[in-house]
Amino acid sequence: MRFSGLFALFVLTEAFTSTPISTRLSPSKKMSSALASATESCDSKEVCLVVEAEVNPDRMEEFLDMIEKNAIGSRKEPGCLRFDVIRSKDNPNKFFFYEVYVDTAAVAFHKEQP
């Protein structure tokens, strides 16, 4: 099963996480140097998203399988420039998704995918 965009926030919260997932327009302090510079480097037309998720350890294997398929599929979408899955060094249950799309139409297309 593949999740995308904001829809993933709600599905992942119920299916995989013990705490709610939050989206951020700016990265957390621990990720600030890497993600802030990447976010700032986006062209004005491009849309950059940073999603933070904390996964329930009991569902980790299922989550890893799902997010790998999601990332591979997302990278093949027209308009997707980047889809990175980053695992926190401090907390092995926390992940960050860094997504870059050519424009809002590409984000809309991404959200429509199964």
C-alpha atoms as a PDB file:
ATOM      1  CA  MET A   1       0.000   0.000   0.000  1.00  0.00           C
ATOM      2  CA  ARG A   2       1.355   3.434  -0.949  1.00  0.00           C
ATOM      3  CA  PHE A   3       0.694   6.658   0.960  1.00  0.00           C
ATOM      4  CA  SER A   4       1.460  10.161  -0.218  1.00  0.00           C
ATOM      5  CA  GLY A   5       1.396  13.810   0.709  1.00  0.00           C
ATOM      6  CA  LEU A   6      -0.794  15.076   3.517  1.00  0.00           C
ATOM      7  CA  PHE A   7      -2.962  11.966   3.337  1.00  0.00           C
ATOM      8  CA  ALA A   8       0.002  10.009   4.673  1.00  0.00           C
ATOM      9  CA  LEU A   9      -0.016  12.079   7.828  1.00  0.00           C
ATOM     10  CA  PHE A  10      -3.392  10.777   8.886  1.00  0.00           C
ATOM     11  CA  VAL A  11      -2.860   7.196   7.744  1.00  0.00           C
ATOM     12  CA  LEU A  12       0.579   6.925   9.322  1.00  0.00           C
ATOM     13  CA  THR A  13      -0.683   8.371  12.591  1.00  0.00           C
ATOM     14  CA  GLU A  14      -3.242   5.609  12.942  1.00  0.00           C
ATOM     15  CA  ALA A  15      -1.373   2.773  11.266  1.00  0.00           C
ATOM     16  CA  PHE A  16       2.216   3.172  12.377  1.00  0.00           C
ATOM     17  CA  THR A  17       2.766   5.768  15.045  1.00  0.00           C
ATOM     18  CA  SER A  18       2.352   6.034  18.760  1.00  0.00           C
ATOM     19  CA  THR A  19       2.316   9.838  18.559  1.00  0.00           C
ATOM     20  CA  PRO A  20       0.844  12.158  15.929  1.00  0.00           C
ATOM     21  CA  ILE A  21       2.915  13.065  12.904  1.00  0.00           C
ATOM     22  CA  SER A  22       3.552  16.715  12.283  1.00  0.00           C
ATOM     23  CA  THR A  23       4.438  18.592   9.120  1.00  0.00           C
ATOM     24  CA  ARG A  24       6.802  21.480   9.398  1.00  0.00           C
ATOM     25  CA  LEU A  25       7.584  24.364   7.133  1.00  0.00           C
ATOM     26  CA  SER A  26      10.937  24.622   8.866  1.00  0.00           C
ATOM     27  CA  PRO A  27      13.004  21.677  10.097  1.00  0.00           C
ATOM     28  CA  SER A  28      13.512  20.659  13.717  1.00  0.00           C
ATOM     29  CA  LYS A  29      16.610  21.940  15.524  1.00  0.00           C
ATOM     30  CA  LYS A  30      18.435  18.616  15.172  1.00  0.00           C
ATOM     31  CA  MET A  31      17.913  18.568  11.427  1.00  0.00           C
ATOM     32  CA  SER A  32      18.244  22.324  10.919  1.00  0.00           C
ATOM     33  CA  SER A  33      21.644  22.548   9.273  1.00  0.00           C
ATOM     34  CA  ALA A  34      21.004  19.854   6.651  1.00  0.00           C
ATOM     35  CA  LEU A  35      17.339  20.441   5.909  1.00  0.00           C
ATOM     36  CA  ALA A  36      17.273  24.222   6.297  1.00  0.00           C
ATOM     37  CA  SER A  37      19.963  24.700   3.680  1.00  0.00           C
ATOM     38  CA  ALA A  38      18.227  22.222   1.380  1.00  0.00           C
ATOM     39  CA  THR A  39      14.870  23.959   1.845  1.00  0.00           C
ATOM     40  CA  GLU A  40      16.371  27.383   1.242  1.00  0.00           C
ATOM     41  CA  SER A  41      18.002  26.172  -1.971  1.00  0.00           C
ATOM     42  CA  CYS A  42      14.629  25.434  -3.588  1.00  0.00           C
ATOM     43  CA  ASP A  43      13.744  27.521  -6.617  1.00  0.00           C
ATOM     44  CA  SER A  44      10.744  29.813  -6.019  1.00  0.00           C
ATOM     45  CA  LYS A  45       8.521  27.625  -8.262  1.00  0.00           C
ATOM     46  CA  GLU A  46       9.518  24.424  -6.530  1.00  0.00           C
ATOM     47  CA  VAL A  47       7.587  23.078  -3.575  1.00  0.00           C
ATOM     48  CA  CYS A  48       9.627  21.610  -0.731  1.00  0.00           C
ATOM     49  CA  LEU A  49       7.988  19.547   2.000  1.00  0.00           C
ATOM     50  CA  VAL A  50       9.487  18.246   5.230  1.00  0.00           C
ATOM     51  CA  VAL A  51       7.436  15.619   7.046  1.00  0.00           C
ATOM     52  CA  GLU A  52       8.343  14.207  10.450  1.00  0.00           C
ATOM     53  CA  ALA A  53       7.048  10.813  11.601  1.00  0.00           C
ATOM     54  CA  GLU A  54       7.629   8.754  14.721  1.00  0.00           C
ATOM     55  CA  VAL A  55       6.881   5.096  14.064  1.00  0.00           C
ATOM     56  CA  ASN A  56       5.573   2.598  16.591  1.00  0.00           C
ATOM     57  CA  PRO A  57       8.426   0.071  17.052  1.00  0.00           C
ATOM     58  CA  ASP A  58       5.936  -2.816  16.777  1.00  0.00           C
ATOM     59  CA  ARG A  59       5.103  -1.688  13.218  1.00  0.00           C
ATOM     60  CA  MET A  60       8.646  -0.830  12.081  1.00  0.00           C
ATOM     61  CA  GLU A  61       9.097  -3.698   9.609  1.00  0.00           C
ATOM     62  CA  GLU A  62       5.759  -2.959   7.966  1.00  0.00           C
ATOM     63  CA  PHE A  63       6.532   0.764   7.876  1.00  0.00           C
ATOM     64  CA  LEU A  64       9.969   0.257   6.297  1.00  0.00           C
ATOM     65  CA  ASP A  65       8.465  -1.916   3.560  1.00  0.00           C
ATOM     66  CA  MET A  66       5.721   0.645   2.898  1.00  0.00           C
ATOM     67  CA  ILE A  67       7.990   3.709   2.879  1.00  0.00           C
ATOM     68  CA  GLU A  68      10.513   2.046   0.564  1.00  0.00           C
ATOM     69  CA  LYS A  69       7.768   1.355  -1.986  1.00  0.00           C
ATOM     70  CA  ASN A  70       6.363   4.852  -1.469  1.00  0.00           C
ATOM     71  CA  ALA A  71       9.737   6.497  -2.065  1.00  0.00           C
ATOM     72  CA  ILE A  72      10.500   4.435  -5.182  1.00  0.00           C
ATOM     73  CA  GLY A  73       7.083   5.183  -6.654  1.00  0.00           C
ATOM     74  CA  SER A  74       7.231   8.861  -5.754  1.00  0.00           C
ATOM     75  CA  ARG A  75      10.635   9.316  -7.391  1.00  0.00           C
ATOM     76  CA  LYS A  76       9.191   8.015 -10.680  1.00  0.00           C
ATOM     77  CA  GLU A  77       6.333  10.535 -10.698  1.00  0.00           C
ATOM     78  CA  PRO A  78       6.514  13.379 -13.204  1.00  0.00           C
ATOM     79  CA  GLY A  79       7.413  16.535 -11.335  1.00  0.00           C
ATOM     80  CA  CYS A  80       9.084  14.842  -8.367  1.00  0.00           C
ATOM     81  CA  LEU A  81      12.632  16.145  -8.095  1.00  0.00           C
ATOM     82  CA  ARG A  82      13.513  14.507  -4.785  1.00  0.00           C
ATOM     83  CA  PHE A  83      12.010  12.154  -2.224  1.00  0.00           C
ATOM     84  CA  ASP A  84      14.373  11.360   0.638  1.00  0.00           C
ATOM     85  CA  VAL A  85      13.669   9.215   3.683  1.00  0.00           C
ATOM     86  CA  ILE A  86      15.956  10.106   6.579  1.00  0.00           C
ATOM     87  CA  ARG A  87      16.154   8.133   9.817  1.00  0.00           C
ATOM     88  CA  SER A  88      17.116  10.032  12.957  1.00  0.00           C
ATOM     89  CA  LYS A  89      20.392   9.025  14.580  1.00  0.00           C
ATOM     90  CA  ASP A  90      19.067  10.055  18.001  1.00  0.00           C
ATOM     91  CA  ASN A  91      15.781   8.169  17.772  1.00  0.00           C
ATOM     92  CA  PRO A  92      15.595   5.100  15.482  1.00  0.00           C
ATOM     93  CA  ASN A  93      11.784   5.373  15.467  1.00  0.00           C
ATOM     94  CA  LYS A  94      11.803   8.907  14.018  1.00  0.00           C
ATOM     95  CA  PHE A  95      11.912   9.603  10.288  1.00  0.00           C
ATOM     96  CA  PHE A  96      11.960  12.712   8.149  1.00  0.00           C
ATOM     97  CA  PHE A  97      10.745  12.817   4.552  1.00  0.00           C
ATOM     98  CA  TYR A  98      12.219  15.557   2.394  1.00  0.00           C
ATOM     99  CA  GLU A  99      10.234  16.001  -0.814  1.00  0.00           C
ATOM    100  CA  VAL A 100      10.790  18.443  -3.670  1.00  0.00           C
ATOM    101  CA  TYR A 101       8.372  18.941  -6.571  1.00  0.00           C
ATOM    102  CA  VAL A 102       8.609  21.197  -9.621  1.00  0.00           C
ATOM    103  CA  ASP A 103       5.397  23.012  -8.689  1.00  0.00           C
ATOM    104  CA  THR A 104       2.074  22.744  -6.877  1.00  0.00           C
ATOM    105  CA  ALA A 105       0.564  20.752  -9.765  1.00  0.00           C
ATOM    106  CA  ALA A 106       3.194  18.043  -9.194  1.00  0.00           C
ATOM    107  CA  VAL A 107       2.308  17.982  -5.474  1.00  0.00           C
ATOM    108  CA  ALA A 108      -1.371  17.638  -6.372  1.00  0.00           C
ATOM    109  CA  PHE A 109      -0.546  14.767  -8.739  1.00  0.00           C
ATOM    110  CA  HIS A 110       1.512  13.080  -5.999  1.00  0.00           C
ATOM    111  CA  LYS A 111      -1.391  13.299  -3.559  1.00  0.00           C
ATOM    112  CA  GLU A 112      -3.723  11.627  -6.071  1.00  0.00           C
ATOM    113  CA  GLN A 113      -1.556   8.514  -6.390  1.00  0.00           C
ATOM    114  CA  PRO A 114      -2.736   5.287  -4.727  1.00  0.00           C
END
